[in-house]
C-alpha cells in the first residue's frame, strides 16, 4: 500500500499502534483503511485502533491504545498518569483518559474517559511516546477524589523527584482555579503550607510506613540509624527504640535485582549476627497491604519482648 512506510513509522512511535483517525489524517481512503483492517499485517484492538500483529502486549501499549481509542488530543490522566510517572501507590489500571469536551461523544471500552474544557497545552507532556498530563496537572486532577493525605503524599513525591516545584504548581493552580476546578482549595492549602523555600521529605515511602505504625497504635521507630557491632553494618531504615528490632523498607525498583538481593542478604546476616531481628517489608505492601506490614512488625516485637522476659 502507498502509505505503508508512513503508517509503520507512526506505529513505531506509538507502541506498535495506529488509530483509524490517524490513517485518514495521512490521506488513506475508507477503502484503504478497511483493507488494512482485513489484512494480515494489522490486528484490530477496537473499531478505532489497530495493533501490529506479533507486537508484545505491555502496560504502555494498553495505555496508548486507550488514548488513541478515546479521541484525537486525548491524554492519559489521573491515577494512570501518576503510575506512569512512577508515583508510589498508584496503578495504571483501570486506565483513565482525559479529552477535550466536544471532540467526541463516543465511549471507550478500554478506559474511563474524563471530558474537560481546560486541558491546556502546558498541561500535556509526552512520556515514552504516550500523551500524558503533566505532573502538576496530574496531582491537581487527583485532588478531587483522592483523600487529602494521599494527595499531599503524591505532591511531595513529585516534588522530591523534581517533577514539580513551587512555581509549576502555583502556575497550574492559577490556570485551573479560575475555571472553578474541584480540588483548587486543597491545592492552594498544600502549596501555602509548604511555602516558596519548601524542601520535600526524601521519601514518601518512609512517611507512609510511619503512618502505618501510628494508625495501628504501634510505637514509633527511629529512622535512618547507623547499626552494627564491632563492624559497621550500615544505616538501617528503622530501628526500634527499645528492642533489637530493625525494619528495612525495600523498594522493588531498587532491590529486586539479583545483585541487590545478594547485598541485602549479606547485610541482613551481619545485622542478625549483631543480635538484631530484621523484618523486611516491600513498598507495595506499605502502600496496599498496610495490615500485613503492621502484623509483621507487631509479631516481631512480641517475639523479642517474650524472649527478653524469659531471659530476665
Protein backbone atom coordinates (compact mmCIF):
# COMPACT_ATOMS: atom_id res chain seq x y z
CA UNK A 1 0.00 0.00 0.00
CA UNK A 2 1.24 3.52 -0.80
CA UNK A 3 1.20 4.64 2.87
CA UNK A 4 2.81 1.55 4.42
CA UNK A 5 6.09 3.26 5.34
CA UNK A 6 4.35 6.24 6.95
CA UNK A 7 1.97 4.01 8.88
CA UNK A 8 4.73 1.79 10.25
CA UNK A 9 6.83 4.82 11.19
CA UNK A 10 3.85 6.17 13.12
CA UNK A 11 3.26 2.82 14.84
CA UNK A 12 6.93 2.67 15.85
CA UNK A 13 6.42 5.85 17.88
CA UNK A 14 3.16 4.58 19.40
CA UNK A 15 3.96 1.15 20.84
CA UNK A 16 3.03 -0.62 17.57
CA UNK A 17 -0.41 1.02 17.37
CA UNK A 18 -2.26 3.28 14.96
CA UNK A 19 -5.74 4.77 15.07
CA UNK A 20 -8.15 4.87 12.15
CA UNK A 21 -8.45 8.64 12.50
CA UNK A 22 -4.68 8.87 12.09
CA UNK A 23 -4.83 6.84 8.90
CA UNK A 24 -7.40 9.23 7.48
CA UNK A 25 -5.11 12.07 8.52
CA UNK A 26 -2.31 10.52 6.47
CA UNK A 27 -4.59 10.57 3.45
CA UNK A 28 -5.91 7.00 3.44
CA UNK A 29 -9.33 6.45 1.94
CA UNK A 30 -12.09 4.48 3.66
CA UNK A 31 -11.42 1.59 1.28
CA UNK A 32 -7.71 1.58 2.18
CA UNK A 33 -8.50 1.64 5.91
CA UNK A 34 -10.88 -1.30 5.50
CA UNK A 35 -8.19 -3.18 3.57
CA UNK A 36 -5.72 -2.59 6.41
CA UNK A 37 -8.22 -3.86 8.97
CA UNK A 38 -8.81 -7.04 7.00
CA UNK A 39 -5.17 -7.69 6.16
CA UNK A 40 -2.63 -9.92 7.84
CA UNK A 41 -0.31 -7.14 8.97
CA UNK A 42 -2.63 -5.47 11.48
CA UNK A 43 -5.00 -6.73 14.16
CA UNK A 44 -7.99 -4.62 15.31
CA UNK A 45 -7.98 -3.96 19.06
CA UNK A 46 -11.13 -1.86 18.81
CA UNK A 47 -13.09 -0.47 15.85
CA UNK A 48 -10.77 2.58 16.05
CA UNK A 49 -7.36 1.13 16.99
CA UNK A 50 -5.11 -1.33 15.14
CA UNK A 51 -2.07 -3.18 16.52
CA UNK A 52 0.85 -4.57 14.58
CA UNK A 53 0.47 -8.35 14.65
CA UNK A 54 3.00 -10.02 16.93
CA UNK A 55 3.74 -6.87 18.93
CA UNK A 56 4.03 -7.55 22.69
CA UNK A 57 1.16 -6.62 24.99
CA UNK A 58 2.55 -4.21 27.59
CA UNK A 59 1.06 -1.74 30.03
CA UNK A 60 2.34 1.08 27.85
CA UNK A 61 0.65 -0.40 24.78
CA UNK A 62 -2.64 -0.80 26.69
CA UNK A 63 -2.49 2.82 27.83
CA UNK A 64 -1.56 4.08 24.37
CA UNK A 65 -4.45 2.10 22.87
CA UNK A 66 -6.87 3.72 25.32
CA UNK A 67 -5.60 7.20 24.44
CA UNK A 68 -5.94 6.56 20.70
CA UNK A 69 -9.37 4.99 21.13
CA UNK A 70 -10.73 7.97 23.12
CA UNK A 71 -10.19 10.69 20.51
CA UNK A 72 -7.58 12.94 18.90
CA UNK A 73 -5.92 15.06 21.57
CA UNK A 74 -6.73 12.66 24.42
CA UNK A 75 -4.13 12.04 27.15
CA UNK A 76 -3.65 9.51 29.93
CA UNK A 77 -4.55 11.15 33.24
CA UNK A 78 -5.43 10.81 36.93
CA UNK A 79 -4.10 7.71 38.73
CA UNK A 80 -2.98 6.12 35.44
CA UNK A 81 -0.80 9.15 34.70
CA UNK A 82 0.59 9.15 38.24
CA UNK A 83 1.52 5.47 37.84
CA UNK A 84 3.33 6.09 34.54
CA UNK A 85 5.25 8.95 36.14
CA UNK A 86 6.33 6.39 38.77
CA UNK A 87 4.35 7.66 41.76
CA UNK A 88 4.18 5.06 44.56
CA UNK A 89 0.79 3.70 45.48
CA UNK A 90 -0.72 4.39 42.05
CA UNK A 91 -1.56 1.81 39.41
CA UNK A 92 -2.22 2.31 35.71
CA UNK A 93 -5.34 0.13 35.68
CA UNK A 94 -8.16 0.88 35.31
CA UNK A 95 -6.99 3.33 32.67
CA UNK A 96 -8.10 6.95 32.97
CA UNK A 97 -8.01 9.22 29.92
CA UNK A 98 -8.90 12.90 29.59
CA UNK A 99 -10.12 14.52 26.38
CA UNK A 100 -11.47 17.90 25.34
CA UNK A 101 -15.22 18.19 25.72
CA UNK A 102 -16.92 18.23 22.34
CA UNK A 103 -14.16 16.39 20.44
CA UNK A 104 -16.10 13.13 20.54
CA UNK A 105 -19.16 11.70 22.23
CA UNK A 106 -18.32 8.05 21.91
CA UNK A 107 -17.50 5.94 24.93
CA UNK A 108 -14.44 3.70 25.08
CA UNK A 109 -14.28 0.07 26.10
CA UNK A 110 -10.63 0.50 27.10
CA UNK A 111 -10.77 3.28 29.65
CA UNK A 112 -12.74 5.70 31.75
CA UNK A 113 -12.99 8.96 29.84
CA UNK A 114 -12.98 12.36 31.58
CA UNK A 115 -14.23 15.25 29.46
CA UNK A 116 -12.94 18.74 30.30
CA UNK A 117 -12.81 22.22 28.81
CA UNK A 118 -9.45 23.13 30.36
CA UNK A 119 -6.88 20.66 29.01
CA UNK A 120 -4.30 23.32 28.22
CA UNK A 121 -1.21 22.67 26.03
CA UNK A 122 1.02 23.47 29.03
CA UNK A 123 -0.60 20.57 30.91
CA UNK A 124 0.34 17.91 28.36
CA UNK A 125 3.61 16.01 28.09
CA UNK A 126 4.91 13.06 26.08
CA UNK A 127 6.24 10.21 28.24
CA UNK A 128 7.68 7.17 26.48
CA UNK A 129 5.67 8.17 23.44
CA UNK A 130 2.37 8.44 25.36
CA UNK A 131 0.50 11.76 25.66
CA UNK A 132 0.07 12.32 29.40
CA UNK A 133 -0.95 15.06 31.81
CA UNK A 134 1.96 16.99 33.31
CA UNK A 135 2.96 16.08 36.87
CA UNK A 136 1.39 19.23 38.31
CA UNK A 137 -1.85 18.71 36.38
CA UNK A 138 -1.88 15.03 37.43
CA UNK A 139 -1.77 15.92 41.13
CA UNK A 140 -4.40 18.61 40.61
CA UNK A 141 -6.75 16.11 38.90
CA UNK A 142 -6.35 13.71 41.85
CA UNK A 143 -7.07 16.43 44.41
CA UNK A 144 -10.73 15.74 43.74
CA UNK A 145 -11.48 12.12 44.58
CA UNK A 146 -8.35 11.11 46.49
CA UNK A 147 -8.10 11.53 50.26
CA UNK A 148 -6.30 14.82 51.07
CA UNK A 149 -3.49 12.99 52.88
CA UNK A 150 -2.86 10.86 49.81
CA UNK A 151 -2.81 13.94 47.57
CA UNK A 152 -0.29 15.52 49.93
CA UNK A 153 1.96 12.46 49.76
CA UNK A 154 1.77 12.44 45.97
CA UNK A 155 2.62 16.13 45.78
CA UNK A 156 5.65 15.58 48.00
CA UNK A 157 6.79 12.63 45.88
CA UNK A 158 6.57 14.60 42.63
CA UNK A 159 8.37 17.48 44.37
CA UNK A 160 11.13 15.23 45.74
CA UNK A 161 11.61 13.71 42.26
CA UNK A 162 11.93 17.28 40.86
CA UNK A 163 8.99 16.73 38.56
CA UNK A 164 7.24 19.76 40.07
CA UNK A 165 8.29 22.75 42.12
CA UNK A 166 6.52 25.63 43.78
CA UNK A 167 6.39 27.70 40.60
CA UNK A 168 4.92 25.00 38.36
CA UNK A 169 2.30 24.02 40.94
CA UNK A 170 1.30 27.64 41.56
CA UNK A 171 1.00 28.27 37.81
CA UNK A 172 -1.22 25.21 37.40
CA UNK A 173 -3.40 26.31 40.30
CA UNK A 174 -3.75 29.78 38.79
CA UNK A 175 -4.68 28.34 35.39
CA UNK A 176 -7.28 25.91 36.73
CA UNK A 177 -8.67 27.63 39.82
CA UNK A 178 -10.13 30.50 37.80
CA UNK A 179 -12.19 27.92 35.93
CA UNK A 180 -13.72 26.69 39.18
CA UNK A 181 -11.96 23.33 39.13
CA UNK A 182 -12.67 20.94 42.01
CA UNK A 183 -9.59 20.45 44.17
CA UNK A 184 -8.48 24.08 43.91
CA UNK A 185 -8.97 24.75 47.63
CA UNK A 186 -6.94 21.72 48.69
CA UNK A 187 -4.10 22.50 46.28
CA UNK A 188 -3.93 26.11 47.48
CA UNK A 189 -3.73 24.91 51.08
CA UNK A 190 -0.96 22.42 50.34
CA UNK A 191 1.16 24.98 48.49
CA UNK A 192 0.52 27.66 51.11
CA UNK A 193 1.70 25.40 53.95
CA UNK A 194 4.86 24.48 52.07
CA UNK A 195 5.95 27.98 51.13
CA UNK A 196 8.41 29.10 48.44
CA UNK A 197 11.50 27.52 50.05
CA UNK A 198 9.91 24.14 50.75
CA UNK A 199 12.16 21.06 50.62
CA UNK A 200 10.15 17.79 50.48
CA UNK A 201 10.99 14.69 52.53
CA UNK A 202 13.46 12.33 50.90
CA UNK A 203 10.96 9.50 50.84
CA UNK A 204 7.19 9.47 50.91
CA UNK A 205 7.52 5.72 51.38
CA UNK A 206 9.09 6.34 54.79
CA UNK A 207 6.32 8.76 55.66
CA UNK A 208 3.74 6.17 54.69
CA UNK A 209 5.43 3.47 56.80
CA UNK A 210 5.43 5.79 59.82
CA UNK A 211 1.75 6.49 59.21
CA UNK A 212 1.03 2.73 59.11
CA UNK A 213 2.62 2.33 62.56
CA UNK A 214 0.81 5.34 64.02
CA UNK A 215 -2.61 4.37 62.68
CA UNK A 216 -2.29 0.90 64.23
CA UNK A 217 -1.04 2.14 67.61
CA UNK A 218 2.45 0.70 67.20
CA UNK A 219 5.34 2.58 68.84
CA UNK A 220 7.28 4.90 66.53
CA UNK A 221 10.71 3.78 65.40
CA UNK A 222 13.93 5.69 64.85
CA UNK A 223 14.63 6.36 61.19
CA UNK A 224 17.96 6.05 59.35
CA UNK A 225 20.06 4.71 62.23
CA UNK A 226 23.68 3.51 61.96
CA UNK A 227 23.84 -0.06 63.26
CA UNK A 228 26.43 -2.73 63.85
CA UNK A 229 28.69 -4.28 66.42
CA UNK A 230 32.46 -4.30 66.01
CA UNK A 231 31.93 -3.86 62.28
CA UNK A 232 29.57 -1.22 60.92
CA UNK A 233 26.62 -3.00 59.27
CA UNK A 234 25.19 0.05 57.58
CA UNK A 235 22.40 2.51 58.07
CA UNK A 236 19.07 0.78 58.61
CA UNK A 237 15.74 2.24 57.61
CA UNK A 238 14.11 1.83 61.03
CA UNK A 239 15.20 0.63 64.45
CA UNK A 240 13.03 0.04 67.48
CA UNK A 241 13.71 2.43 70.34
CA UNK A 242 13.89 -0.32 72.98
CA UNK A 243 14.13 -3.72 71.27
CA UNK A 244 16.82 -5.17 68.97
CA UNK A 245 14.47 -4.87 66.02
CA UNK A 246 15.29 -3.48 62.59
CA UNK A 247 12.78 -2.86 59.81
CA UNK A 248 14.02 -2.48 56.25
CA UNK A 249 11.54 -0.95 53.79
CA UNK A 250 12.54 -2.33 50.42
CA UNK A 251 11.69 -0.87 47.03
CA UNK A 252 11.06 -3.23 44.13
CA UNK A 253 12.71 -0.66 41.87
CA UNK A 254 15.98 -0.66 43.80
CA UNK A 255 16.11 -4.08 45.49
CA UNK A 256 14.63 -6.61 43.06
CA UNK A 257 17.77 -7.33 41.02
CA UNK A 258 19.84 -10.42 41.89
CA UNK A 259 22.89 -8.36 42.88
CA UNK A 260 20.72 -6.21 45.14
CA UNK A 261 19.18 -9.27 46.77
CA UNK A 262 22.66 -10.69 47.42
CA UNK A 263 23.79 -7.43 49.04
CA UNK A 264 20.62 -7.31 51.13
CA UNK A 265 21.13 -10.89 52.29
CA UNK A 266 24.72 -10.17 53.36
CA UNK A 267 23.64 -7.04 55.19
CA UNK A 268 20.85 -8.93 56.93
CA UNK A 269 23.27 -11.64 58.02
CA UNK A 270 25.54 -9.01 59.57
CA UNK A 271 22.65 -7.42 61.45
CA UNK A 272 21.41 -10.78 62.72
CA UNK A 273 24.94 -11.61 63.77
CA UNK A 274 24.89 -8.44 65.87
CA UNK A 275 21.75 -9.67 67.62
CA UNK A 276 19.05 -7.85 65.67
CA UNK A 277 15.85 -9.34 64.32
CA UNK A 278 15.36 -7.98 60.82
CA UNK A 279 11.90 -7.50 59.35
CA UNK A 280 11.67 -6.74 55.63
CA UNK A 281 8.61 -5.08 54.12
CA UNK A 282 8.12 -4.11 50.48
CA UNK A 283 6.92 -0.79 49.12
CA UNK A 284 3.88 -2.41 47.51
CA UNK A 285 2.91 -3.82 50.91
CA UNK A 286 3.35 -0.47 52.62
CA UNK A 287 1.03 1.18 50.10
CA UNK A 288 -1.51 -1.58 49.52
CA UNK A 289 -1.31 -4.10 52.41
CA UNK A 290 -0.74 -1.95 55.47
CA UNK A 291 -2.25 -4.51 57.85
CA UNK A 292 0.25 -7.13 56.66
CA UNK A 293 3.11 -4.72 57.38
CA UNK A 294 1.77 -3.89 60.84
CA UNK A 295 1.21 -7.58 61.68
CA UNK A 296 4.79 -8.40 60.69
CA UNK A 297 6.24 -5.67 62.89
CA UNK A 298 3.86 -6.47 65.77
CA UNK A 299 4.75 -10.18 65.69
CA UNK A 300 8.48 -9.41 65.78
CA UNK A 301 8.01 -7.07 68.76
CA UNK A 302 6.04 -9.75 70.61
CA UNK A 303 8.76 -12.37 69.98
CA UNK A 304 11.51 -10.09 71.20
CA UNK A 305 9.54 -8.93 74.25
CA UNK A 306 8.79 -12.53 75.21
CA UNK A 307 12.44 -13.53 74.73
CA UNK A 308 13.57 -10.64 76.94
CA UNK A 309 11.16 -11.66 79.69
CA UNK A 310 12.31 -15.27 79.51
CA UNK A 311 15.96 -14.26 79.66
CA UNK A 312 15.23 -11.90 82.59
